[in-house]
Amino acid sequence: MPEDRGWSSVWNPIFKDLFIFEMANNHQGNLEHGINIIREVASIAEKFKLNAAIKFQYRQLDTFIHPDFVNDTSNKHISRFLGTKLSLEQFETLIREAKNNGLWTACTPFDEASVGIIEKQDIDIIKIGSCSARDKPLLRRVSDARKPIVCSTAGASVKDLDFISHLFEGKKRDFAFMHCVALYPTHADKMALDRIDFLRHRYHVPVGFSTHESPDDFLPVRMAVAKGARLFERHVGKEAKDVNLNAYSSTAALAEKWVQAALDAMKYCNWNSVHDPLEIASLRDLERGVFLSRDVRKGDKISREDVFFAMPRKEGQMSSGEFRDGIVASQDIGRNAALPASQAVTADIEHLKAQIIQEAKSLLRSARIPIGTEYEAELSHHYGIEKMPETGLVMINCMDRDYCKKLLIQLPGQMHPEHHHLKKEECFQVLYGTVHVVIDGMKRVLRPGDKLLIKPGQKHSFSTETGAVIEEVSTKYEKGGSVYTDPSILSSNPDTRKTYLGKW
């Protein structure tokens, strides 16, 4: 089940609902002007209690611009960069100002030397600009820095993005992708917000939205939130004497409205796994309740023919959806009377089995794991199928030869009791969810991609709060080769601990 708009426990929390305010060259090469922008951003962050960063840009202009082109007027950026240059000491003053105001600091380096300066100044986040998403020497240098990385993706091909993902994952760097369109300003027909879906589904990292639309257009950020964007970037500046902002940079007033639009969208999109009691009450008023169509005595079994369903359903009354054949009356109940929800229900193994299978299939769908047609499924229930929601797992046997492959599906809240194998060696790899393992008394937490080798004789148990899918590859299984620590399991017939389903 999605939690907190799809946030993963393995992602760096610095990215969570992060608002990056891009100052770029809007400091105008003026230290005081830059400080004023930072203070306005800090005021917005404080008002909304944001996870916020101010972002700078670093270029070592003496080497970044070829000396033969210092006076070139054909490229508008060169004169802009040179005309707004700040010294490293001035940038350090801006960094201190940002941190003193409770902001993260971020910086876009455009050359390798700038990455080294970011490291020395202990800037919190490295931002890769879209123009550098194919600059492999720079990307490799950034990957060597031990900093969280945010990478914009305007103009990047799938091959480019695959390279970046492979590089940063290989260096075990925390990174996020930013959907971005490098048209300034970006008009509606060029916004391409569906790319957010693509980035989320292909790379399984936090995905954000770096905006260049008109500063008074707040629809795109709302749509980006709905698409699953988890971090946001906006150019900000401050108008002053002889300072006019470009067509895609926000004043503080417009930036505040942009933040408000994003936060409002988050409220609309919020995933709440606990339903509001008022919602439940309003639905109950429309549900059908269970009523007796004949008099029943205490101890009678109640079948479908003994009841009818009608509204209104009263507080404490069983609903039509809760009724099952075999309910045992715990008191005398007259004809046309409501059947209390507290009536005892006889064990319905088929109903419970169906529920378990449905939930296991849903976990596989959430994990996007197809199992094909060549498999055998079984339920493993060490204390009986009635206790399987708490203890056990669903096993998909994919291959059983000299080596074996299985998928182990644990439902949320399930545990598998401590045991060891006499001969079998097995390797777990988590494909989905979070698994808590105890092996020879040592606790481990396994997340997607994590592996664990379990040797013969090693006692181990595992459980999950989230629900999990584990791939198990092992040497050949031999009946009776698993020895459980609990003597009540050990003394039971192994065949009673399993329900074989075949293909479900």
Protein backbone atom coordinates (compact mmCIF):
# COMPACT_ATOMS: atom_id res chain seq x y z
CA MET A 1 0.00 0.00 0.00
CA PRO A 2 1.45 3.42 -0.89
CA GLU A 3 2.66 5.40 2.10
CA ASP A 4 3.05 9.18 2.27
CA ARG A 5 2.61 9.73 -1.47
CA GLY A 6 4.91 6.86 -2.38
CA TRP A 7 7.93 7.91 -0.31
CA SER A 8 10.47 5.10 0.09
CA SER A 9 12.31 4.45 3.34
CA VAL A 10 15.55 3.94 1.36
CA TRP A 11 15.57 7.49 -0.08
CA ASN A 12 17.53 10.31 1.48
CA PRO A 13 15.08 12.41 3.54
CA ILE A 14 16.73 15.62 2.31
CA PHE A 15 14.77 15.18 -0.93
CA LYS A 16 11.38 14.84 0.75
CA ASP A 17 9.11 17.71 -0.38
CA LEU A 18 12.24 19.78 -0.99
CA PHE A 19 11.78 23.28 -2.41
CA ILE A 20 14.89 24.56 -4.17
CA PHE A 21 15.03 28.31 -4.78
CA GLU A 22 17.44 28.92 -7.65
CA MET A 23 19.25 32.25 -7.34
CA ALA A 24 21.52 31.59 -10.35
CA ASN A 25 22.87 34.99 -11.44
CA ASN A 26 19.96 36.90 -9.95
CA HIS A 27 22.32 38.15 -7.24
CA GLN A 28 23.45 40.46 -10.09
CA GLY A 29 27.05 40.17 -8.89
CA ASN A 30 26.02 42.17 -5.84
CA LEU A 31 26.57 40.58 -2.43
CA GLU A 32 23.99 42.68 -0.62
CA HIS A 33 21.38 41.93 -3.28
CA GLY A 34 22.08 38.21 -2.90
CA ILE A 35 21.70 38.41 0.89
CA ASN A 36 18.33 40.14 0.46
CA ILE A 37 17.13 37.32 -1.84
CA ILE A 38 18.21 34.70 0.70
CA ARG A 39 16.35 36.48 3.48
CA GLU A 40 13.17 36.66 1.40
CA VAL A 41 13.44 32.94 0.61
CA ALA A 42 14.06 32.17 4.28
CA SER A 43 10.94 34.12 5.18
CA ILE A 44 8.87 31.96 2.79
CA ALA A 45 10.44 28.78 4.17
CA GLU A 46 9.68 29.85 7.74
CA LYS A 47 6.09 30.80 6.93
CA PHE A 48 5.30 27.40 5.42
CA LYS A 49 7.78 25.34 7.50
CA LEU A 50 9.40 24.13 4.30
CA ASN A 51 12.23 21.75 3.66
CA ALA A 52 14.00 24.37 1.53
CA ALA A 53 17.33 25.11 -0.13
CA ILE A 54 18.87 28.13 -1.81
CA LYS A 55 20.90 27.28 -4.89
CA PHE A 56 23.94 28.94 -6.42
CA GLN A 57 25.89 28.35 -9.61
CA TYR A 58 29.68 27.91 -9.78
CA ARG A 59 31.88 28.41 -12.84
CA GLN A 60 35.59 28.99 -12.66
CA LEU A 61 35.42 31.63 -15.36
CA ASP A 62 39.17 31.87 -16.00
CA THR A 63 39.11 28.34 -17.40
CA PHE A 64 35.40 27.81 -18.13
CA ILE A 65 35.42 30.44 -20.89
CA HIS A 66 38.05 30.09 -23.59
CA PRO A 67 40.33 33.15 -23.49
CA ASP A 68 39.74 33.86 -27.17
CA PHE A 69 36.02 34.32 -26.50
CA VAL A 70 36.00 36.47 -23.36
CA ASN A 71 34.79 39.45 -25.38
CA ASP A 72 32.51 37.42 -27.65
CA THR A 73 29.06 39.01 -27.85
CA SER A 74 27.46 36.27 -29.98
CA ASN A 75 26.84 34.14 -26.89
CA LYS A 76 24.61 36.03 -24.44
CA HIS A 77 25.66 33.87 -21.50
CA ILE A 78 29.34 34.85 -21.52
CA SER A 79 28.75 38.53 -20.82
CA ARG A 80 26.09 37.59 -18.24
CA PHE A 81 28.45 35.27 -16.36
CA LEU A 82 31.31 37.76 -16.39
CA GLY A 83 29.10 40.68 -15.44
CA THR A 84 27.64 38.96 -12.36
CA LYS A 85 30.81 37.30 -11.05
CA LEU A 86 31.20 36.94 -7.28
CA SER A 87 34.36 35.93 -5.46
CA LEU A 88 34.56 32.71 -3.45
CA GLU A 89 34.67 34.79 -0.27
CA GLN A 90 31.40 36.48 -1.27
CA PHE A 91 29.80 33.11 -1.97
CA GLU A 92 30.95 31.91 1.45
CA THR A 93 29.15 34.88 2.97
CA LEU A 94 25.97 33.89 1.10
CA ILE A 95 26.35 30.28 2.26
CA ARG A 96 26.64 31.38 5.89
CA GLU A 97 23.61 33.60 5.47
CA ALA A 98 21.56 30.70 4.08
CA LYS A 99 22.58 28.29 6.83
CA ASN A 100 22.03 30.88 9.55
CA ASN A 101 18.49 31.26 8.20
CA GLY A 102 17.78 27.52 8.37
CA LEU A 103 18.12 26.76 4.65
CA TRP A 104 19.94 23.92 2.95
CA THR A 105 22.56 25.03 0.44
CA ALA A 106 22.74 23.67 -3.08
CA CYS A 107 25.03 24.49 -5.97
CA THR A 108 25.27 23.70 -9.68
CA PRO A 109 28.89 23.17 -10.76
CA PHE A 110 29.67 23.64 -14.43
CA ASP A 111 33.23 22.33 -14.24
CA GLU A 112 35.24 19.87 -12.19
CA ALA A 113 37.10 22.54 -10.20
CA SER A 114 33.77 23.87 -8.92
CA VAL A 115 32.93 20.43 -7.47
CA GLY A 116 36.08 20.63 -5.37
CA ILE A 117 35.04 24.05 -4.08
CA ILE A 118 31.58 22.72 -3.21
CA GLU A 119 33.27 20.01 -1.15
CA LYS A 120 35.54 22.50 0.64
CA GLN A 121 32.63 24.82 1.43
CA ASP A 122 30.51 21.89 2.65
CA ILE A 123 27.52 22.80 0.47
CA ASP A 124 24.75 20.31 1.18
CA ILE A 125 23.45 19.33 -2.29
CA ILE A 126 25.01 19.17 -5.75
CA LYS A 127 22.63 20.05 -8.58
CA ILE A 128 23.39 18.90 -12.12
CA GLY A 129 22.05 21.35 -14.70
CA SER A 130 20.37 19.92 -17.78
CA CYS A 131 23.19 21.21 -19.98
CA SER A 132 25.59 18.99 -18.01
CA ALA A 133 23.51 15.80 -18.09
CA ARG A 134 25.71 14.49 -20.93
CA ASP A 135 28.99 15.91 -19.57
CA LYS A 136 30.52 12.61 -18.49
CA PRO A 137 33.78 14.01 -17.06
CA LEU A 138 31.77 16.36 -14.84
CA LEU A 139 29.27 13.64 -13.89
CA ARG A 140 32.09 11.31 -12.88
CA ARG A 141 33.66 14.03 -10.74
CA VAL A 142 30.29 14.73 -9.08
CA SER A 143 29.87 11.01 -8.40
CA ASP A 144 33.13 11.07 -6.42
CA ALA A 145 31.79 13.77 -4.11
CA ARG A 146 29.94 12.38 -1.14
CA LYS A 147 26.91 14.63 -1.55
CA PRO A 148 23.22 14.11 -2.37
CA ILE A 149 22.71 14.87 -6.07
CA VAL A 150 19.75 16.36 -7.93
CA CYS A 151 19.95 16.03 -11.71
CA SER A 152 17.81 17.96 -14.20
CA THR A 153 16.85 16.07 -17.33
CA ALA A 154 15.91 18.57 -20.05
CA GLY A 155 16.99 17.25 -23.44
CA ALA A 156 18.46 14.07 -21.96
CA SER A 157 17.85 10.82 -23.82
CA VAL A 158 16.96 7.55 -22.12
CA LYS A 159 20.55 6.42 -22.73
CA ASP A 160 21.83 9.54 -20.98
CA LEU A 161 19.57 8.95 -18.00
CA ASP A 162 20.46 5.26 -17.84
CA PHE A 163 24.14 6.21 -17.73
CA ILE A 164 23.56 8.71 -14.91
CA SER A 165 21.49 6.21 -12.93
CA HIS A 166 24.09 3.47 -13.40
CA LEU A 167 26.94 5.81 -12.44
CA PHE A 168 25.37 7.17 -9.27
CA GLU A 169 23.96 3.82 -8.16
CA GLY A 170 27.38 2.25 -8.66
CA LYS A 171 28.94 4.89 -6.39
CA LYS A 172 26.05 4.43 -3.92
CA ARG A 173 25.12 8.09 -4.16
CA ASP A 174 21.72 9.40 -3.11
CA PHE A 175 20.23 11.11 -6.14
CA ALA A 176 17.00 12.45 -7.56
CA PHE A 177 15.91 13.30 -11.09
CA MET A 178 14.21 16.58 -11.96
CA HIS A 179 11.85 16.78 -14.90
CA CYS A 180 12.77 19.98 -16.68
CA VAL A 181 12.16 21.68 -20.03
CA ALA A 182 14.90 24.04 -21.18
CA LEU A 183 12.64 26.55 -22.91
CA TYR A 184 12.49 29.89 -21.13
CA PRO A 185 9.68 30.44 -20.34
CA THR A 186 8.03 27.05 -20.97
CA HIS A 187 4.58 27.19 -22.56
CA ALA A 188 1.79 24.70 -21.84
CA ASP A 189 2.20 22.64 -25.02
CA LYS A 190 5.90 22.07 -24.21
CA MET A 191 5.50 21.17 -20.51
CA ALA A 192 5.65 17.35 -21.07
CA LEU A 193 4.65 16.51 -17.49
CA ASP A 194 4.07 12.85 -18.42
CA ARG A 195 7.85 12.50 -18.27
CA ILE A 196 7.50 12.55 -14.48
CA ASP A 197 5.63 9.23 -14.74
CA PHE A 198 8.39 7.82 -16.94
CA LEU A 199 11.17 8.88 -14.58
CA ARG A 200 9.40 7.50 -11.51
CA HIS A 201 8.58 4.13 -13.04
CA ARG A 202 11.94 3.53 -14.74
CA TYR A 203 14.40 4.67 -12.09
CA HIS A 204 12.65 4.29 -8.70
CA VAL A 205 14.30 7.39 -7.23
CA PRO A 206 12.72 10.63 -6.02
CA VAL A 207 11.54 12.68 -8.98
CA GLY A 208 10.95 16.40 -9.01
CA PHE A 209 9.93 19.30 -11.24
CA SER A 210 12.24 22.16 -12.16
CA THR A 211 10.01 24.93 -13.51
CA HIS A 212 10.55 27.57 -16.16
CA GLU A 213 6.96 28.56 -16.86
CA SER A 214 5.66 32.08 -16.33
CA PRO A 215 5.95 32.93 -12.60
CA ASP A 216 2.22 33.63 -12.31
CA ASP A 217 1.22 30.23 -13.74
CA PHE A 218 0.61 27.88 -10.82
CA LEU A 219 -1.17 25.05 -12.64
CA PRO A 220 2.00 23.18 -13.70
CA VAL A 221 3.30 22.72 -10.14
CA ARG A 222 -0.10 21.47 -9.01
CA MET A 223 -0.09 18.94 -11.86
CA ALA A 224 3.48 17.92 -11.07
CA VAL A 225 2.46 17.13 -7.49
CA ALA A 226 -0.41 15.01 -8.81
CA LYS A 227 2.07 13.20 -11.08
CA GLY A 228 4.17 12.29 -8.03
CA ALA A 229 6.87 14.97 -8.04
CA ARG A 230 8.53 15.09 -4.62
CA LEU A 231 10.90 18.06 -4.98
CA PHE A 232 10.50 21.37 -6.75
CA GLU A 233 12.76 24.07 -8.16
CA ARG A 234 11.94 27.68 -9.04
CA HIS A 235 14.14 30.59 -10.15
CA VAL A 236 13.83 33.52 -7.74
CA GLY A 237 15.10 37.06 -7.75
CA LYS A 238 14.41 40.52 -6.45
CA GLU A 239 13.57 43.58 -8.47
CA ALA A 240 15.55 46.66 -7.58
CA LYS A 241 16.87 49.79 -9.18
CA ASP A 242 18.24 48.83 -12.59
CA VAL A 243 17.25 45.17 -11.96
CA ASN A 244 14.46 43.60 -14.02
CA LEU A 245 13.77 39.91 -13.64
CA ASN A 246 13.63 37.62 -16.64
CA ALA A 247 10.39 36.00 -17.83
CA TYR A 248 10.79 32.82 -15.75
CA SER A 249 12.09 34.12 -12.38
CA SER A 250 9.73 34.77 -9.49
CA THR A 251 9.66 37.63 -7.07
CA ALA A 252 9.25 36.61 -3.44
CA ALA A 253 5.52 37.36 -3.63
CA LEU A 254 5.01 35.09 -6.64
CA ALA A 255 7.31 32.41 -5.19
CA GLU A 256 5.13 32.38 -2.08
CA LYS A 257 2.02 31.82 -4.20
CA TRP A 258 3.85 29.05 -6.11
CA VAL A 259 4.70 27.30 -2.83
CA GLN A 260 1.12 27.66 -1.64
CA ALA A 261 -0.14 26.09 -4.89
CA ALA A 262 2.19 23.10 -4.43
CA LEU A 263 1.21 22.62 -0.79
CA ASP A 264 -2.49 22.85 -1.64
CA ALA A 265 -2.00 20.16 -4.30
CA MET A 266 -0.26 17.94 -1.74
CA LYS A 267 -3.33 18.17 0.48
CA TYR A 268 -5.54 17.06 -2.41
CA CYS A 269 -3.20 14.19 -3.29
CA ASN A 270 -2.42 13.05 0.24
CA TRP A 271 -2.64 9.28 0.63
CA ASN A 272 -4.23 8.52 3.96
CA SER A 273 -4.36 4.80 4.77
CA VAL A 274 -6.62 5.48 7.77
CA HIS A 275 -10.10 6.50 6.68
CA ASP A 276 -11.76 9.41 8.39
CA PRO A 277 -14.38 8.27 10.97
CA LEU A 278 -16.87 10.71 9.43
CA GLU A 279 -16.36 9.03 6.06
CA ILE A 280 -16.98 5.59 7.57
CA ALA A 281 -20.08 6.83 9.38
CA SER A 282 -21.53 8.36 6.24
CA LEU A 283 -21.03 5.10 4.33
CA ARG A 284 -22.52 3.04 7.13
CA ASP A 285 -25.77 4.99 6.77
CA LEU A 286 -26.03 3.62 3.21
CA GLU A 287 -24.95 0.02 3.96
CA ARG A 288 -27.33 -2.88 4.31
CA GLY A 289 -27.46 -4.61 7.66
CA VAL A 290 -28.15 -8.30 8.39
CA PHE A 291 -31.63 -9.15 9.78
CA LEU A 292 -33.10 -12.51 10.79
CA SER A 293 -35.85 -13.96 8.63
CA ARG A 294 -36.73 -16.48 11.37
CA ASP A 295 -36.37 -16.90 15.11
CA VAL A 296 -33.00 -18.41 16.13
CA ARG A 297 -31.86 -19.84 19.42
CA LYS A 298 -28.53 -19.49 21.13
CA GLY A 299 -26.08 -21.96 19.55
CA ASP A 300 -27.95 -22.20 16.21
CA LYS A 301 -25.90 -21.97 13.04
CA ILE A 302 -27.18 -19.26 10.75
CA SER A 303 -27.15 -19.78 6.99
CA ARG A 304 -27.88 -17.44 4.08
CA GLU A 305 -31.49 -18.67 4.01
CA ASP A 306 -31.99 -17.49 7.60
CA VAL A 307 -31.25 -13.81 6.93
CA PHE A 308 -32.10 -10.89 4.70
CA PHE A 309 -30.22 -7.68 4.01
CA ALA A 310 -31.78 -4.24 4.35
CA MET A 311 -31.05 -0.70 5.42
CA PRO A 312 -30.57 1.06 7.71
CA ARG A 313 -27.61 -0.66 9.30
CA LYS A 314 -27.34 0.36 12.95
CA GLU A 315 -24.26 0.78 15.14
CA GLY A 316 -23.05 -2.65 16.27
CA GLN A 317 -25.02 -4.50 13.60
CA MET A 318 -23.37 -6.89 11.17
CA SER A 319 -23.18 -5.60 7.59
CA SER A 320 -24.10 -7.63 4.52
CA GLY A 321 -20.42 -7.70 3.54
CA GLU A 322 -19.43 -9.29 6.86
CA PHE A 323 -21.98 -12.11 6.77
CA ARG A 324 -20.84 -15.68 6.13
CA ASP A 325 -22.59 -19.01 6.35
CA GLY A 326 -21.97 -20.79 9.63
CA ILE A 327 -22.30 -17.89 12.06
CA VAL A 328 -23.24 -19.21 15.51
CA ALA A 329 -25.91 -17.29 17.43
CA SER A 330 -24.62 -16.30 20.87
CA GLN A 331 -28.12 -15.43 22.09
CA ASP A 332 -31.78 -15.87 21.18
CA ILE A 333 -32.67 -13.52 18.32
CA GLY A 334 -36.20 -12.92 17.04
CA ARG A 335 -37.45 -12.70 13.48
CA ASN A 336 -36.77 -9.31 11.79
CA ALA A 337 -34.22 -8.42 14.50
CA ALA A 338 -30.71 -7.16 13.65
CA LEU A 339 -27.86 -9.66 13.80
CA PRO A 340 -25.14 -8.22 16.08
CA ALA A 341 -21.66 -7.88 14.58
CA SER A 342 -20.23 -9.73 17.60
CA GLN A 343 -21.73 -13.12 16.66
CA ALA A 344 -19.23 -15.98 16.58
CA VAL A 345 -18.06 -17.12 13.16
CA THR A 346 -17.01 -20.69 12.51
CA ALA A 347 -13.63 -21.12 10.87
CA ASP A 348 -14.04 -20.79 7.12
CA ILE A 349 -10.79 -22.08 5.75
CA GLU A 350 -11.70 -21.49 2.12
CA HIS A 351 -12.62 -17.88 2.82
CA LEU A 352 -9.36 -17.25 4.69
CA LYS A 353 -7.35 -19.00 1.99
CA ALA A 354 -8.97 -16.83 -0.68
CA GLN A 355 -8.14 -13.67 1.27
CA ILE A 356 -4.49 -14.69 1.62
CA ILE A 357 -4.17 -15.51 -2.07
CA GLN A 358 -5.80 -12.21 -3.08
CA GLU A 359 -3.41 -10.21 -0.90
CA ALA A 360 -0.38 -12.14 -2.14
CA LYS A 361 -1.37 -11.49 -5.76
CA SER A 362 -1.78 -7.80 -4.97
CA LEU A 363 1.72 -7.68 -3.48
CA LEU A 364 3.14 -9.21 -6.67
CA ARG A 365 1.26 -6.65 -8.75
CA SER A 366 2.56 -3.80 -6.57
CA ALA A 367 6.09 -5.16 -6.99
CA ARG A 368 5.51 -5.61 -10.76
CA ILE A 369 6.70 -9.22 -10.57
CA PRO A 370 5.08 -11.54 -13.13
CA ILE A 371 5.26 -15.26 -12.29
CA GLY A 372 4.23 -16.71 -15.66
CA THR A 373 2.61 -20.13 -15.83
CA GLU A 374 5.37 -22.52 -14.76
CA TYR A 375 5.09 -22.55 -10.98
CA GLU A 376 3.53 -24.29 -7.99
CA ALA A 377 2.11 -22.22 -5.13
CA GLU A 378 1.72 -23.24 -1.51
CA LEU A 379 0.74 -21.70 1.80
CA SER A 380 3.13 -22.26 4.69
CA HIS A 381 1.34 -22.02 8.06
CA HIS A 382 3.30 -23.23 11.07
CA TYR A 383 0.52 -22.88 13.65
CA GLY A 384 -2.40 -23.68 11.37
CA ILE A 385 -3.98 -21.73 8.55
CA GLU A 386 -6.15 -19.83 11.04
CA LYS A 387 -2.97 -18.20 12.40
CA MET A 388 -1.45 -17.58 8.98
CA PRO A 389 -2.19 -13.83 8.95
CA GLU A 390 0.36 -13.62 11.79
CA THR A 391 2.72 -16.53 11.06
CA GLY A 392 3.67 -18.00 7.70
CA LEU A 393 4.17 -17.04 4.08
CA VAL A 394 3.06 -17.80 0.53
CA MET A 395 5.64 -19.73 -1.46
CA ILE A 396 5.93 -19.78 -5.25
CA ASN A 397 8.09 -22.71 -6.35
CA CYS A 398 9.64 -21.73 -9.68
CA MET A 399 12.37 -24.37 -10.03
CA ASP A 400 13.13 -27.53 -8.03
CA ARG A 401 16.13 -29.41 -9.40
CA ASP A 402 19.70 -29.67 -8.07
CA TYR A 403 19.21 -25.98 -7.41
CA CYS A 404 15.91 -24.33 -6.50
CA LYS A 405 14.33 -20.96 -7.00
CA LYS A 406 11.36 -19.69 -5.02
CA LEU A 407 9.50 -16.47 -4.39
CA LEU A 408 8.56 -15.98 -0.75
CA ILE A 409 5.64 -13.61 -0.24
CA GLN A 410 5.05 -12.27 3.24
CA LEU A 411 1.95 -10.24 3.98
CA PRO A 412 2.13 -7.13 6.18
CA GLY A 413 2.59 -8.17 9.81
CA GLN A 414 3.61 -11.77 9.06
CA MET A 415 6.62 -13.52 10.55
CA HIS A 416 8.35 -16.80 9.73
CA PRO A 417 9.52 -18.59 12.90
CA GLU A 418 13.10 -19.44 13.74
CA HIS A 419 14.52 -22.54 12.06
CA HIS A 420 17.66 -23.88 10.42
CA HIS A 421 18.41 -26.23 7.52
CA LEU A 422 20.39 -29.42 7.88
CA LYS A 423 21.92 -29.37 4.40
CA LYS A 424 20.33 -26.61 2.35
CA GLU A 425 22.20 -23.40 1.63
CA GLU A 426 20.03 -20.51 0.49
CA CYS A 427 20.42 -16.93 -0.63
CA PHE A 428 17.71 -14.33 -0.05
CA GLN A 429 17.37 -11.22 -2.17
CA VAL A 430 14.61 -8.77 -1.35
CA LEU A 431 12.66 -7.68 -4.42
CA TYR A 432 9.99 -5.62 -2.67
CA GLY A 433 9.30 -4.26 0.81
CA THR A 434 11.41 -4.27 3.96
CA VAL A 435 12.33 -7.50 5.75
CA HIS A 436 13.60 -7.84 9.33
CA VAL A 437 15.85 -10.89 9.68
CA VAL A 438 17.38 -12.43 12.78
CA ILE A 439 20.22 -14.79 11.87
CA ASP A 440 22.16 -16.52 14.65
CA GLY A 441 20.86 -13.85 17.03
CA MET A 442 22.01 -10.91 14.88
CA LYS A 443 19.37 -8.52 13.55
CA ARG A 444 19.45 -7.38 9.93
CA VAL A 445 17.17 -5.10 7.94
CA LEU A 446 16.94 -6.00 4.26
CA ARG A 447 15.56 -3.61 1.66
CA PRO A 448 15.01 -4.06 -2.09
CA GLY A 449 18.22 -5.32 -3.67
CA ASP A 450 19.81 -6.48 -0.40
CA LYS A 451 21.07 -10.08 -0.28
CA LEU A 452 21.67 -12.52 2.56
CA LEU A 453 23.43 -15.89 2.42
CA ILE A 454 22.13 -18.46 4.91
CA LYS A 455 24.36 -21.48 5.45
CA PRO A 456 23.32 -24.89 6.79
CA GLY A 457 22.86 -24.80 10.57
CA GLN A 458 22.34 -21.05 10.81
CA LYS A 459 19.19 -20.26 12.78
CA HIS A 460 17.09 -17.57 11.16
CA SER A 461 13.66 -15.99 11.27
CA PHE A 462 12.21 -13.11 9.30
CA SER A 463 9.24 -10.78 9.37
CA THR A 464 7.85 -7.72 7.61
CA GLU A 465 5.67 -4.79 8.52
CA THR A 466 5.25 -3.56 4.95
CA GLY A 467 4.69 -6.83 3.11
CA ALA A 468 7.58 -8.23 1.11
CA VAL A 469 8.63 -10.40 -1.81
CA ILE A 470 11.89 -12.32 -1.41
CA GLU A 471 13.66 -14.28 -4.12
CA GLU A 472 15.24 -17.43 -2.68
CA VAL A 473 17.85 -19.39 -4.61
CA SER A 474 19.08 -22.52 -2.83
CA THR A 475 20.51 -25.97 -3.11
CA LYS A 476 17.99 -28.78 -3.45
CA TYR A 477 15.23 -28.98 -0.86
CA GLU A 478 14.92 -32.26 1.04
CA LYS A 479 11.80 -33.13 2.99
CA GLY A 480 12.44 -32.88 6.73
CA GLY A 481 15.53 -30.74 6.18
CA SER A 482 14.11 -27.69 7.97
CA VAL A 483 14.33 -27.84 11.78
CA TYR A 484 12.22 -25.38 13.78
CA THR A 485 13.28 -24.11 17.20
CA ASP A 486 9.73 -24.17 18.61
CA PRO A 487 9.10 -27.78 19.75
CA SER A 488 5.38 -27.48 18.98
CA ILE A 489 6.22 -26.91 15.31
CA LEU A 490 8.90 -29.57 15.36
CA SER A 491 6.51 -32.20 16.72
CA SER A 492 3.72 -31.46 14.25
CA ASN A 493 3.25 -33.29 10.96
CA PRO A 494 5.05 -31.28 8.22
CA ASP A 495 2.20 -31.98 5.80
CA THR A 496 -0.26 -30.17 8.10
CA ARG A 497 1.91 -27.05 7.95
CA LYS A 498 1.36 -26.59 4.23
CA THR A 499 -1.57 -26.10 1.89
CA TYR A 500 -0.68 -26.89 -1.72
CA LEU A 501 -2.46 -24.70 -4.27
CA GLY A 502 -0.91 -25.71 -7.56
CA LYS A 503 -1.52 -22.79 -9.92
CA TRP A 504 -3.76 -20.18 -8.44
